[in-house]
PDB file of N, CA and C in Angstrom:
ATOM      1  N   MET A   1      36.235   2.208   1.256  1.00  0.00           N
ATOM      2  CA  MET A   1      35.796   3.408   1.919  1.00  0.00           C
ATOM      3  C   MET A   1      34.625   3.048   2.824  1.00  0.00           C
ATOM      4  N   ARG A   2      34.646   3.534   4.034  1.00  0.00           N
ATOM      5  CA  ARG A   2      33.570   3.282   4.994  1.00  0.00           C
ATOM      6  C   ARG A   2      32.534   4.388   4.912  1.00  0.00           C
ATOM      7  N   SER A   3      31.261   3.991   4.905  1.00  0.00           N
ATOM      8  CA  SER A   3      30.176   4.970   4.899  1.00  0.00           C
ATOM      9  C   SER A   3      29.835   5.332   6.335  1.00  0.00           C
ATOM     10  N   GLU A   4      28.902   6.263   6.492  1.00  0.00           N
ATOM     11  CA  GLU A   4      28.503   6.714   7.822  1.00  0.00           C
ATOM     12  C   GLU A   4      27.965   5.574   8.674  1.00  0.00           C
ATOM     13  N   ASN A   5      27.352   4.581   8.061  1.00  0.00           N
ATOM     14  CA  ASN A   5      26.791   3.474   8.829  1.00  0.00           C
ATOM     15  C   ASN A   5      27.798   2.351   9.044  1.00  0.00           C
ATOM     16  N   GLY A   6      29.050   2.562   8.608  1.00  0.00           N
ATOM     17  CA  GLY A   6      30.097   1.592   8.837  1.00  0.00           C
ATOM     18  C   GLY A   6      30.222   0.529   7.760  1.00  0.00           C
ATOM     19  N   LEU A   7      29.383   0.553   6.767  1.00  0.00           N
ATOM     20  CA  LEU A   7      29.459  -0.426   5.690  1.00  0.00           C
ATOM     21  C   LEU A   7      30.414   0.056   4.618  1.00  0.00           C
ATOM     22  N   ASP A   8      31.030  -0.873   3.933  1.00  0.00           N
ATOM     23  CA  ASP A   8      31.929  -0.503   2.844  1.00  0.00           C
ATOM     24  C   ASP A   8      31.129   0.013   1.669  1.00  0.00           C
ATOM     25  N   ALA A   9      31.581   1.122   1.118  1.00  0.00           N
ATOM     26  CA  ALA A   9      30.932   1.688  -0.066  1.00  0.00           C
ATOM     27  C   ALA A   9      31.764   1.330  -1.282  1.00  0.00           C
ATOM     28  N   ALA A  10      31.132   1.278  -2.419  1.00  0.00           N
ATOM     29  CA  ALA A  10      31.844   0.993  -3.658  1.00  0.00           C
ATOM     30  C   ALA A  10      32.815   2.127  -3.942  1.00  0.00           C
ATOM     31  N   PRO A  11      33.971   1.827  -4.524  1.00  0.00           N
ATOM     32  CA  PRO A  11      34.932   2.879  -4.842  1.00  0.00           C
ATOM     33  C   PRO A  11      34.291   3.960  -5.693  1.00  0.00           C
ATOM     34  N   GLY A  12      34.481   5.194  -5.295  1.00  0.00           N
ATOM     35  CA  GLY A  12      33.935   6.316  -6.042  1.00  0.00           C
ATOM     36  C   GLY A  12      32.485   6.606  -5.726  1.00  0.00           C
ATOM     37  N   ALA A  13      31.842   5.743  -4.971  1.00  0.00           N
ATOM     38  CA  ALA A  13      30.427   5.956  -4.670  1.00  0.00           C
ATOM     39  C   ALA A  13      30.235   6.952  -3.543  1.00  0.00           C
ATOM     40  N   GLY A  14      31.290   7.181  -2.744  1.00  0.00           N
ATOM     41  CA  GLY A  14      31.127   8.076  -1.606  1.00  0.00           C
ATOM     42  C   GLY A  14      30.283   7.398  -0.547  1.00  0.00           C
ATOM     43  N   SER A  15      29.887   8.167   0.444  1.00  0.00           N
ATOM     44  CA  SER A  15      29.136   7.569   1.548  1.00  0.00           C
ATOM     45  C   SER A  15      27.665   7.934   1.523  1.00  0.00           C
ATOM     46  N   ARG A  16      27.243   8.648   0.491  1.00  0.00           N
ATOM     47  CA  ARG A  16      25.843   9.073   0.441  1.00  0.00           C
ATOM     48  C   ARG A  16      25.020   8.142  -0.431  1.00  0.00           C
ATOM     49  N   ILE A  17      23.784   7.938  -0.011  1.00  0.00           N
ATOM     50  CA  ILE A  17      22.828   7.162  -0.800  1.00  0.00           C
ATOM     51  C   ILE A  17      22.183   8.118  -1.789  1.00  0.00           C
ATOM     52  N   ASP A  18      21.910   7.637  -2.968  1.00  0.00           N
ATOM     53  CA  ASP A  18      21.227   8.450  -3.966  1.00  0.00           C
ATOM     54  C   ASP A  18      19.938   8.992  -3.360  1.00  0.00           C
ATOM     55  N   ARG A  19      19.864  10.316  -3.220  1.00  0.00           N
ATOM     56  CA  ARG A  19      18.707  10.934  -2.556  1.00  0.00           C
ATOM     57  C   ARG A  19      17.401  10.640  -3.265  1.00  0.00           C
ATOM     58  N   LYS A  20      17.409  10.663  -4.587  1.00  0.00           N
ATOM     59  CA  LYS A  20      16.173  10.406  -5.326  1.00  0.00           C
ATOM     60  C   LYS A  20      15.666   8.996  -5.036  1.00  0.00           C
ATOM     61  N   ALA A  21      16.574   8.026  -5.042  1.00  0.00           N
ATOM     62  CA  ALA A  21      16.179   6.648  -4.748  1.00  0.00           C
ATOM     63  C   ALA A  21      15.664   6.536  -3.322  1.00  0.00           C
ATOM     64  N   LYS A  22      16.335   7.198  -2.393  1.00  0.00           N
ATOM     65  CA  LYS A  22      15.916   7.146  -0.996  1.00  0.00           C
ATOM     66  C   LYS A  22      14.543   7.784  -0.816  1.00  0.00           C
ATOM     67  N   GLU A  23      14.312   8.925  -1.465  1.00  0.00           N
ATOM     68  CA  GLU A  23      13.042   9.627  -1.325  1.00  0.00           C
ATOM     69  C   GLU A  23      11.907   8.885  -2.014  1.00  0.00           C
ATOM     70  N   SER A  24      12.208   8.101  -3.057  1.00  0.00           N
ATOM     71  CA  SER A  24      11.153   7.420  -3.792  1.00  0.00           C
ATOM     72  C   SER A  24      10.766   6.089  -3.153  1.00  0.00           C
ATOM     73  N   PHE A  25      11.522   5.641  -2.154  1.00  0.00           N
ATOM     74  CA  PHE A  25      11.207   4.382  -1.487  1.00  0.00           C
ATOM     75  C   PHE A  25       9.928   4.532  -0.677  1.00  0.00           C
ATOM     76  N   VAL A  26       8.979   3.656  -0.940  1.00  0.00           N
ATOM     77  CA  VAL A  26       7.732   3.629  -0.179  1.00  0.00           C
ATOM     78  C   VAL A  26       7.671   2.262   0.486  1.00  0.00           C
ATOM     79  N   PRO A  27       7.597   2.226   1.811  1.00  0.00           N
ATOM     80  CA  PRO A  27       7.550   0.925   2.475  1.00  0.00           C
ATOM     81  C   PRO A  27       6.267   0.178   2.142  1.00  0.00           C
ATOM     82  N   PRO A  28       6.297  -1.138   2.205  1.00  0.00           N
ATOM     83  CA  PRO A  28       5.097  -1.928   1.919  1.00  0.00           C
ATOM     84  C   PRO A  28       3.946  -1.538   2.843  1.00  0.00           C
ATOM     85  N   ILE A  29       2.743  -1.625   2.322  1.00  0.00           N
ATOM     86  CA  ILE A  29       1.551  -1.334   3.113  1.00  0.00           C
ATOM     87  C   ILE A  29       1.168  -2.600   3.888  1.00  0.00           C
ATOM     88  N   THR A  30       0.646  -2.411   5.078  1.00  0.00           N
ATOM     89  CA  THR A  30       0.192  -3.532   5.899  1.00  0.00           C
ATOM     90  C   THR A  30      -1.335  -3.587   5.891  1.00  0.00           C
ATOM     91  N   LEU A  31      -1.879  -4.694   6.363  1.00  0.00           N
ATOM     92  CA  LEU A  31      -3.333  -4.798   6.491  1.00  0.00           C
ATOM     93  C   LEU A  31      -3.874  -3.688   7.384  1.00  0.00           C
ATOM     94  N   ARG A  32      -3.174  -3.407   8.466  1.00  0.00           N
ATOM     95  CA  ARG A  32      -3.616  -2.366   9.406  1.00  0.00           C
ATOM     96  C   ARG A  32      -3.631  -0.995   8.732  1.00  0.00           C
ATOM     97  N   GLU A  33      -2.595  -0.678   7.963  1.00  0.00           N
ATOM     98  CA  GLU A  33      -2.551   0.618   7.274  1.00  0.00           C
ATOM     99  C   GLU A  33      -3.666   0.732   6.240  1.00  0.00           C
ATOM    100  N   LEU A  34      -3.924  -0.346   5.510  1.00  0.00           N
ATOM    101  CA  LEU A  34      -5.022  -0.329   4.544  1.00  0.00           C
ATOM    102  C   LEU A  34      -6.350  -0.127   5.261  1.00  0.00           C
ATOM    103  N   GLU A  35      -6.520  -0.795   6.379  1.00  0.00           N
ATOM    104  CA  GLU A  35      -7.757  -0.645   7.154  1.00  0.00           C
ATOM    105  C   GLU A  35      -7.944   0.804   7.606  1.00  0.00           C
ATOM    106  N   LEU A  36      -6.891   1.415   8.113  1.00  0.00           N
ATOM    107  CA  LEU A  36      -6.992   2.812   8.556  1.00  0.00           C
ATOM    108  C   LEU A  36      -7.310   3.741   7.392  1.00  0.00           C
ATOM    109  N   LEU A  37      -6.720   3.462   6.237  1.00  0.00           N
ATOM    110  CA  LEU A  37      -6.986   4.264   5.051  1.00  0.00           C
ATOM    111  C   LEU A  37      -8.438   4.114   4.603  1.00  0.00           C
ATOM    112  N   MET A  38      -8.959   2.885   4.639  1.00  0.00           N
ATOM    113  CA  MET A  38     -10.301   2.620   4.121  1.00  0.00           C
ATOM    114  C   MET A  38     -11.418   2.894   5.124  1.00  0.00           C
ATOM    115  N   ARG A  39     -11.107   2.871   6.390  1.00  0.00           N
ATOM    116  CA  ARG A  39     -12.150   2.987   7.408  1.00  0.00           C
ATOM    117  C   ARG A  39     -13.000   4.238   7.233  1.00  0.00           C
ATOM    118  N   GLN A  40     -12.405   5.305   6.755  1.00  0.00           N
ATOM    119  CA  GLN A  40     -13.157   6.550   6.575  1.00  0.00           C
ATOM    120  C   GLN A  40     -14.229   6.442   5.494  1.00  0.00           C
ATOM    121  N   TYR A  41     -14.190   5.386   4.689  1.00  0.00           N
ATOM    122  CA  TYR A  41     -15.163   5.230   3.612  1.00  0.00           C
ATOM    123  C   TYR A  41     -16.309   4.278   3.958  1.00  0.00           C
ATOM    124  N   VAL A  42     -16.381   3.838   5.206  1.00  0.00           N
ATOM    125  CA  VAL A  42     -17.495   2.999   5.647  1.00  0.00           C
ATOM    126  C   VAL A  42     -18.571   3.936   6.160  1.00  0.00           C
ATOM    127  N   TRP A  43     -19.665   3.980   5.454  1.00  0.00           N
ATOM    128  CA  TRP A  43     -20.686   4.992   5.740  1.00  0.00           C
ATOM    129  C   TRP A  43     -21.526   4.665   6.962  1.00  0.00           C
ATOM    130  N   ASP A  44     -21.759   3.398   7.249  1.00  0.00           N
ATOM    131  CA  ASP A  44     -22.643   3.064   8.361  1.00  0.00           C
ATOM    132  C   ASP A  44     -21.908   2.814   9.677  1.00  0.00           C
ATOM    133  N   GLY A  45     -20.598   2.932   9.670  1.00  0.00           N
ATOM    134  CA  GLY A  45     -19.829   2.730  10.892  1.00  0.00           C
ATOM    135  C   GLY A  45     -19.687   1.268  11.292  1.00  0.00           C
ATOM    136  N   ASP A  46     -20.191   0.365  10.479  1.00  0.00           N
ATOM    137  CA  ASP A  46     -20.118  -1.061  10.775  1.00  0.00           C
ATOM    138  C   ASP A  46     -18.989  -1.673   9.956  1.00  0.00           C
ATOM    139  N   TRP A  47     -17.888  -1.999  10.602  1.00  0.00           N
ATOM    140  CA  TRP A  47     -16.746  -2.560   9.895  1.00  0.00           C
ATOM    141  C   TRP A  47     -16.092  -3.625  10.761  1.00  0.00           C
ATOM    142  N   GLN A  48     -15.314  -4.476  10.118  1.00  0.00           N
ATOM    143  CA  GLN A  48     -14.567  -5.509  10.821  1.00  0.00           C
ATOM    144  C   GLN A  48     -13.087  -5.317  10.537  1.00  0.00           C
ATOM    145  N   SER A  49     -12.260  -5.733  11.470  1.00  0.00           N
ATOM    146  CA  SER A  49     -10.816  -5.599  11.330  1.00  0.00           C
ATOM    147  C   SER A  49     -10.294  -6.462  10.188  1.00  0.00           C
ATOM    148  N   PHE A  50      -9.438  -5.876   9.361  1.00  0.00           N
ATOM    149  CA  PHE A  50      -8.814  -6.619   8.270  1.00  0.00           C
ATOM    150  C   PHE A  50      -7.880  -7.698   8.819  1.00  0.00           C
ATOM    151  N   GLU A  51      -7.247  -7.423   9.945  1.00  0.00           N
ATOM    152  CA  GLU A  51      -6.309  -8.388  10.506  1.00  0.00           C
ATOM    153  C   GLU A  51      -7.021  -9.655  10.985  1.00  0.00           C
ATOM    154  N   HIS A  52      -8.289  -9.530  11.347  1.00  0.00           N
ATOM    155  CA  HIS A  52      -9.053 -10.689  11.799  1.00  0.00           C
ATOM    156  C   HIS A  52      -9.794 -11.380  10.655  1.00  0.00           C
ATOM    157  N   ALA A  53      -9.933 -10.694   9.545  1.00  0.00           N
ATOM    158  CA  ALA A  53     -10.660 -11.264   8.403  1.00  0.00           C
ATOM    159  C   ALA A  53      -9.998 -10.845   7.093  1.00  0.00           C
ATOM    160  N   PRO A  54      -8.711 -11.173   6.902  1.00  0.00           N
ATOM    161  CA  PRO A  54      -7.995 -10.691   5.717  1.00  0.00           C
ATOM    162  C   PRO A  54      -8.493 -11.255   4.393  1.00  0.00           C
ATOM    163  N   ASP A  55      -9.188 -12.385   4.450  1.00  0.00           N
ATOM    164  CA  ASP A  55      -9.658 -13.022   3.217  1.00  0.00           C
ATOM    165  C   ASP A  55     -11.166 -12.915   3.027  1.00  0.00           C
ATOM    166  N   GLN A  56     -11.789 -12.088   3.838  1.00  0.00           N
ATOM    167  CA  GLN A  56     -13.230 -11.864   3.699  1.00  0.00           C
ATOM    168  C   GLN A  56     -13.453 -10.767   2.660  1.00  0.00           C
ATOM    169  N   PRO A  57     -14.408 -10.933   1.757  1.00  0.00           N
ATOM    170  CA  PRO A  57     -14.662  -9.918   0.724  1.00  0.00           C
ATOM    171  C   PRO A  57     -14.999  -8.549   1.331  1.00  0.00           C
ATOM    172  N   PHE A  58     -14.583  -7.507   0.621  1.00  0.00           N
ATOM    173  CA  PHE A  58     -14.810  -6.146   1.112  1.00  0.00           C
ATOM    174  C   PHE A  58     -16.282  -5.866   1.407  1.00  0.00           C
ATOM    175  N   ASP A  59     -17.176  -6.347   0.543  1.00  0.00           N
ATOM    176  CA  ASP A  59     -18.598  -6.056   0.773  1.00  0.00           C
ATOM    177  C   ASP A  59     -19.099  -6.682   2.075  1.00  0.00           C
ATOM    178  N   GLU A  60     -18.557  -7.837   2.446  1.00  0.00           N
ATOM    179  CA  GLU A  60     -18.938  -8.462   3.713  1.00  0.00           C
ATOM    180  C   GLU A  60     -18.334  -7.737   4.910  1.00  0.00           C
ATOM    181  N   LEU A  61     -17.275  -6.980   4.667  1.00  0.00           N
ATOM    182  CA  LEU A  61     -16.635  -6.200   5.728  1.00  0.00           C
ATOM    183  C   LEU A  61     -17.258  -4.814   5.878  1.00  0.00           C
ATOM    184  N   GLY A  62     -18.215  -4.489   5.006  1.00  0.00           N
ATOM    185  CA  GLY A  62     -18.904  -3.203   5.108  1.00  0.00           C
ATOM    186  C   GLY A  62     -18.448  -2.153   4.110  1.00  0.00           C
ATOM    187  N   TYR A  63     -17.646  -2.549   3.120  1.00  0.00           N
ATOM    188  CA  TYR A  63     -17.125  -1.609   2.128  1.00  0.00           C
ATOM    189  C   TYR A  63     -17.836  -1.812   0.796  1.00  0.00           C
ATOM    190  N   ASP A  64     -18.413  -0.749   0.260  1.00  0.00           N
ATOM    191  CA  ASP A  64     -19.113  -0.839  -1.024  1.00  0.00           C
ATOM    192  C   ASP A  64     -18.189  -0.412  -2.164  1.00  0.00           C
ATOM    193  N   SER A  65     -18.714  -0.403  -3.379  1.00  0.00           N
ATOM    194  CA  SER A  65     -17.895  -0.076  -4.554  1.00  0.00           C
ATOM    195  C   SER A  65     -17.390   1.364  -4.506  1.00  0.00           C
ATOM    196  N   LEU A  66     -18.156   2.267  -3.937  1.00  0.00           N
ATOM    197  CA  LEU A  66     -17.701   3.656  -3.807  1.00  0.00           C
ATOM    198  C   LEU A  66     -16.498   3.738  -2.867  1.00  0.00           C
ATOM    199  N   ALA A  67     -16.528   2.970  -1.798  1.00  0.00           N
ATOM    200  CA  ALA A  67     -15.392   2.936  -0.875  1.00  0.00           C
ATOM    201  C   ALA A  67     -14.136   2.442  -1.587  1.00  0.00           C
ATOM    202  N   LEU A  68     -14.293   1.448  -2.453  1.00  0.00           N
ATOM    203  CA  LEU A  68     -13.141   0.936  -3.200  1.00  0.00           C
ATOM    204  C   LEU A  68     -12.621   1.965  -4.197  1.00  0.00           C
ATOM    205  N   LEU A  69     -13.509   2.713  -4.828  1.00  0.00           N
ATOM    206  CA  LEU A  69     -13.067   3.764  -5.757  1.00  0.00           C
ATOM    207  C   LEU A  69     -12.321   4.868  -5.017  1.00  0.00           C
ATOM    208  N   GLU A  70     -12.814   5.251  -3.859  1.00  0.00           N
ATOM    209  CA  GLU A  70     -12.126   6.260  -3.047  1.00  0.00           C
ATOM    210  C   GLU A  70     -10.754   5.741  -2.614  1.00  0.00           C
ATOM    211  N   THR A  71     -10.711   4.481  -2.232  1.00  0.00           N
ATOM    212  CA  THR A  71      -9.448   3.865  -1.830  1.00  0.00           C
ATOM    213  C   THR A  71      -8.475   3.839  -3.001  1.00  0.00           C
ATOM    214  N   HIS A  72      -8.978   3.529  -4.181  1.00  0.00           N
ATOM    215  CA  HIS A  72      -8.169   3.522  -5.402  1.00  0.00           C
ATOM    216  C   HIS A  72      -7.458   4.861  -5.571  1.00  0.00           C
ATOM    217  N   SER A  73      -8.180   5.957  -5.388  1.00  0.00           N
ATOM    218  CA  SER A  73      -7.595   7.297  -5.526  1.00  0.00           C
ATOM    219  C   SER A  73      -6.528   7.552  -4.473  1.00  0.00           C
ATOM    220  N   ARG A  74      -6.791   7.145  -3.239  1.00  0.00           N
ATOM    221  CA  ARG A  74      -5.820   7.346  -2.160  1.00  0.00           C
ATOM    222  C   ARG A  74      -4.558   6.529  -2.383  1.00  0.00           C
ATOM    223  N   ILE A  75      -4.713   5.299  -2.854  1.00  0.00           N
ATOM    224  CA  ILE A  75      -3.550   4.447  -3.101  1.00  0.00           C
ATOM    225  C   ILE A  75      -2.686   5.053  -4.200  1.00  0.00           C
ATOM    226  N   LYS A  76      -3.332   5.556  -5.233  1.00  0.00           N
ATOM    227  CA  LYS A  76      -2.593   6.205  -6.321  1.00  0.00           C
ATOM    228  C   LYS A  76      -1.831   7.412  -5.786  1.00  0.00           C
ATOM    229  N   ARG A  77      -2.491   8.236  -4.991  1.00  0.00           N
ATOM    230  CA  ARG A  77      -1.867   9.449  -4.463  1.00  0.00           C
ATOM    231  C   ARG A  77      -0.796   9.145  -3.419  1.00  0.00           C
ATOM    232  N   ASP A  78      -1.106   8.285  -2.464  1.00  0.00           N
ATOM    233  CA  ASP A  78      -0.203   8.048  -1.341  1.00  0.00           C
ATOM    234  C   ASP A  78       0.919   7.061  -1.635  1.00  0.00           C
ATOM    235  N   TYR A  79       0.658   6.097  -2.518  1.00  0.00           N
ATOM    236  CA  TYR A  79       1.640   5.040  -2.769  1.00  0.00           C
ATOM    237  C   TYR A  79       2.162   5.014  -4.198  1.00  0.00           C
ATOM    238  N   GLY A  80       1.552   5.783  -5.089  1.00  0.00           N
ATOM    239  CA  GLY A  80       1.999   5.817  -6.472  1.00  0.00           C
ATOM    240  C   GLY A  80       1.674   4.558  -7.252  1.00  0.00           C
ATOM    241  N   VAL A  81       0.732   3.776  -6.766  1.00  0.00           N
ATOM    242  CA  VAL A  81       0.349   2.529  -7.430  1.00  0.00           C
ATOM    243  C   VAL A  81      -0.935   2.763  -8.209  1.00  0.00           C
ATOM    244  N   LEU A  82      -0.856   2.532  -9.509  1.00  0.00           N
ATOM    245  CA  LEU A  82      -2.032   2.662 -10.360  1.00  0.00           C
ATOM    246  C   LEU A  82      -2.754   1.325 -10.420  1.00  0.00           C
ATOM    247  N   ILE A  83      -4.042   1.350 -10.159  1.00  0.00           N
ATOM    248  CA  ILE A  83      -4.848   0.133 -10.208  1.00  0.00           C
ATOM    249  C   ILE A  83      -5.914   0.336 -11.272  1.00  0.00           C
ATOM    250  N   SER A  84      -5.891  -0.498 -12.283  1.00  0.00           N
ATOM    251  CA  SER A  84      -6.902  -0.384 -13.337  1.00  0.00           C
ATOM    252  C   SER A  84      -8.255  -0.834 -12.787  1.00  0.00           C
ATOM    253  N   GLU A  85      -9.311  -0.471 -13.497  1.00  0.00           N
ATOM    254  CA  GLU A  85     -10.649  -0.907 -13.078  1.00  0.00           C
ATOM    255  C   GLU A  85     -10.743  -2.432 -13.091  1.00  0.00           C
ATOM    256  N   ASP A  86     -10.105  -3.057 -14.082  1.00  0.00           N
ATOM    257  CA  ASP A  86     -10.105  -4.523 -14.146  1.00  0.00           C
ATOM    258  C   ASP A  86      -9.412  -5.126 -12.926  1.00  0.00           C
ATOM    259  N   ASP A  87      -8.256  -4.551 -12.559  1.00  0.00           N
ATOM    260  CA  ASP A  87      -7.539  -5.044 -11.381  1.00  0.00           C
ATOM    261  C   ASP A  87      -8.355  -4.820 -10.116  1.00  0.00           C
ATOM    262  N   LEU A  88      -8.997  -3.668 -10.025  1.00  0.00           N
ATOM    263  CA  LEU A  88      -9.810  -3.352  -8.851  1.00  0.00           C
ATOM    264  C   LEU A  88     -10.954  -4.348  -8.692  1.00  0.00           C
ATOM    265  N   GLU A  89     -11.492  -4.816  -9.809  1.00  0.00           N
ATOM    266  CA  GLU A  89     -12.570  -5.809  -9.756  1.00  0.00           C
ATOM    267  C   GLU A  89     -12.059  -7.183  -9.327  1.00  0.00           C
ATOM    268  N   ARG A  90     -10.760  -7.436  -9.514  1.00  0.00           N
ATOM    269  CA  ARG A  90     -10.187  -8.745  -9.168  1.00  0.00           C
ATOM    270  C   ARG A  90      -9.735  -8.847  -7.718  1.00  0.00           C
ATOM    271  N   VAL A  91      -9.474  -7.728  -7.069  1.00  0.00           N
ATOM    272  CA  VAL A  91      -9.005  -7.773  -5.678  1.00  0.00           C
ATOM    273  C   VAL A  91     -10.209  -7.586  -4.758  1.00  0.00           C
ATOM    274  N   HIS A  92     -10.735  -8.692  -4.285  1.00  0.00           N
ATOM    275  CA  HIS A  92     -11.980  -8.673  -3.510  1.00  0.00           C
ATOM    276  C   HIS A  92     -11.765  -8.669  -2.003  1.00  0.00           C
ATOM    277  N   THR A  93     -10.521  -8.890  -1.556  1.00  0.00           N
ATOM    278  CA  THR A  93     -10.266  -9.006  -0.120  1.00  0.00           C
ATOM    279  C   THR A  93      -9.126  -8.075   0.290  1.00  0.00           C
ATOM    280  N   PRO A  94      -9.043  -7.750   1.574  1.00  0.00           N
ATOM    281  CA  PRO A  94      -7.935  -6.918   2.040  1.00  0.00           C
ATOM    282  C   PRO A  94      -6.567  -7.520   1.718  1.00  0.00           C
ATOM    283  N   ARG A  95      -6.409  -8.824   1.952  1.00  0.00           N
ATOM    284  CA  ARG A  95      -5.107  -9.447   1.676  1.00  0.00           C
ATOM    285  C   ARG A  95      -4.749  -9.334   0.196  1.00  0.00           C
ATOM    286  N   ALA A  96      -5.708  -9.557  -0.685  1.00  0.00           N
ATOM    287  CA  ALA A  96      -5.447  -9.464  -2.125  1.00  0.00           C
ATOM    288  C   ALA A  96      -5.053  -8.045  -2.518  1.00  0.00           C
ATOM    289  N   LEU A  97      -5.699  -7.041  -1.921  1.00  0.00           N
ATOM    290  CA  LEU A  97      -5.365  -5.658  -2.255  1.00  0.00           C
ATOM    291  C   LEU A  97      -3.992  -5.285  -1.716  1.00  0.00           C
ATOM    292  N   VAL A  98      -3.676  -5.685  -0.495  1.00  0.00           N
ATOM    293  CA  VAL A  98      -2.349  -5.411   0.075  1.00  0.00           C
ATOM    294  C   VAL A  98      -1.270  -6.069  -0.785  1.00  0.00           C
ATOM    295  N   THR A  99      -1.493  -7.307  -1.185  1.00  0.00           N
ATOM    296  CA  THR A  99      -0.528  -8.014  -2.033  1.00  0.00           C
ATOM    297  C   THR A  99      -0.350  -7.289  -3.362  1.00  0.00           C
ATOM    298  N   PHE A 100      -1.448  -6.884  -3.979  1.00  0.00           N
ATOM    299  CA  PHE A 100      -1.381  -6.171  -5.255  1.00  0.00           C
ATOM    300  C   PHE A 100      -0.583  -4.878  -5.105  1.00  0.00           C
ATOM    301  N   ILE A 101      -0.901  -4.094  -4.088  1.00  0.00           N
ATOM    302  CA  ILE A 101      -0.209  -2.815  -3.872  1.00  0.00           C
ATOM    303  C   ILE A 101       1.281  -3.056  -3.684  1.00  0.00           C
ATOM    304  N   ASN A 102       1.636  -3.974  -2.803  1.00  0.00           N
ATOM    305  CA  ASN A 102       3.047  -4.212  -2.502  1.00  0.00           C
ATOM    306  C   ASN A 102       3.816  -4.765  -3.697  1.00  0.00           C
ATOM    307  N   GLU A 103       3.161  -5.546  -4.543  1.00  0.00           N
ATOM    308  CA  GLU A 103       3.821  -6.057  -5.750  1.00  0.00           C
ATOM    309  C   GLU A 103       4.072  -4.951  -6.769  1.00  0.00           C
ATOM    310  N   HIS A 104       3.311  -3.861  -6.694  1.00  0.00           N
ATOM    311  CA  HIS A 104       3.430  -2.795  -7.685  1.00  0.00           C
ATOM    312  C   HIS A 104       4.078  -1.520  -7.143  1.00  0.00           C
ATOM    313  N   LEU A 105       4.537  -1.528  -5.913  1.00  0.00           N
ATOM    314  CA  LEU A 105       5.235  -0.357  -5.379  1.00  0.00           C
ATOM    315  C   LEU A 105       6.498  -0.109  -6.188  1.00  0.00           C
ATOM    316  N   GLY A 106       6.711   1.122  -6.559  1.00  0.00           N
ATOM    317  CA  GLY A 106       7.910   1.484  -7.299  1.00  0.00           C
ATOM    318  C   GLY A 106       7.900   1.091  -8.760  1.00  0.00           C
ATOM    319  N   SER A 107       6.791   0.577  -9.270  1.00  0.00           N
ATOM    320  CA  SER A 107       6.725   0.190 -10.687  1.00  0.00           C
ATOM    321  C   SER A 107       6.449   1.388 -11.554  1.00  0.00           C
TER     322      SER A 107
END
C-alpha cells in the first residue's frame, strides 16, 4: 500500500502516521536555539555567541547560576527534558548542555 508520501506502508498500517508519536516528536535543540532561550537571562547584557564559544563555561559567557536555573525550567517546559541538579552542575558549557538535552529528548 502506498502512503501519501509515496512510501510503502506496512500491511494494515494505512497511510497515516500515529498522531501521538508525531505530536510528541521534538526536534533536537541547536546551539543557536539554546542561546536564544538563555539570552534573556543575562542581566548585564554582556554575552558571547554560543556558536563561537561552544566549549566556554557559562559563567565566562556571562551566565550565572540563576540563569542556569531559569534555563532548566524552560528546557523542562519546552522540551520535556528533566535535568537533575547534579546533571545541571555537570554541564558547564553550551555544547555539553545541548548534547545532554538532545540525548534525553523523548525519554
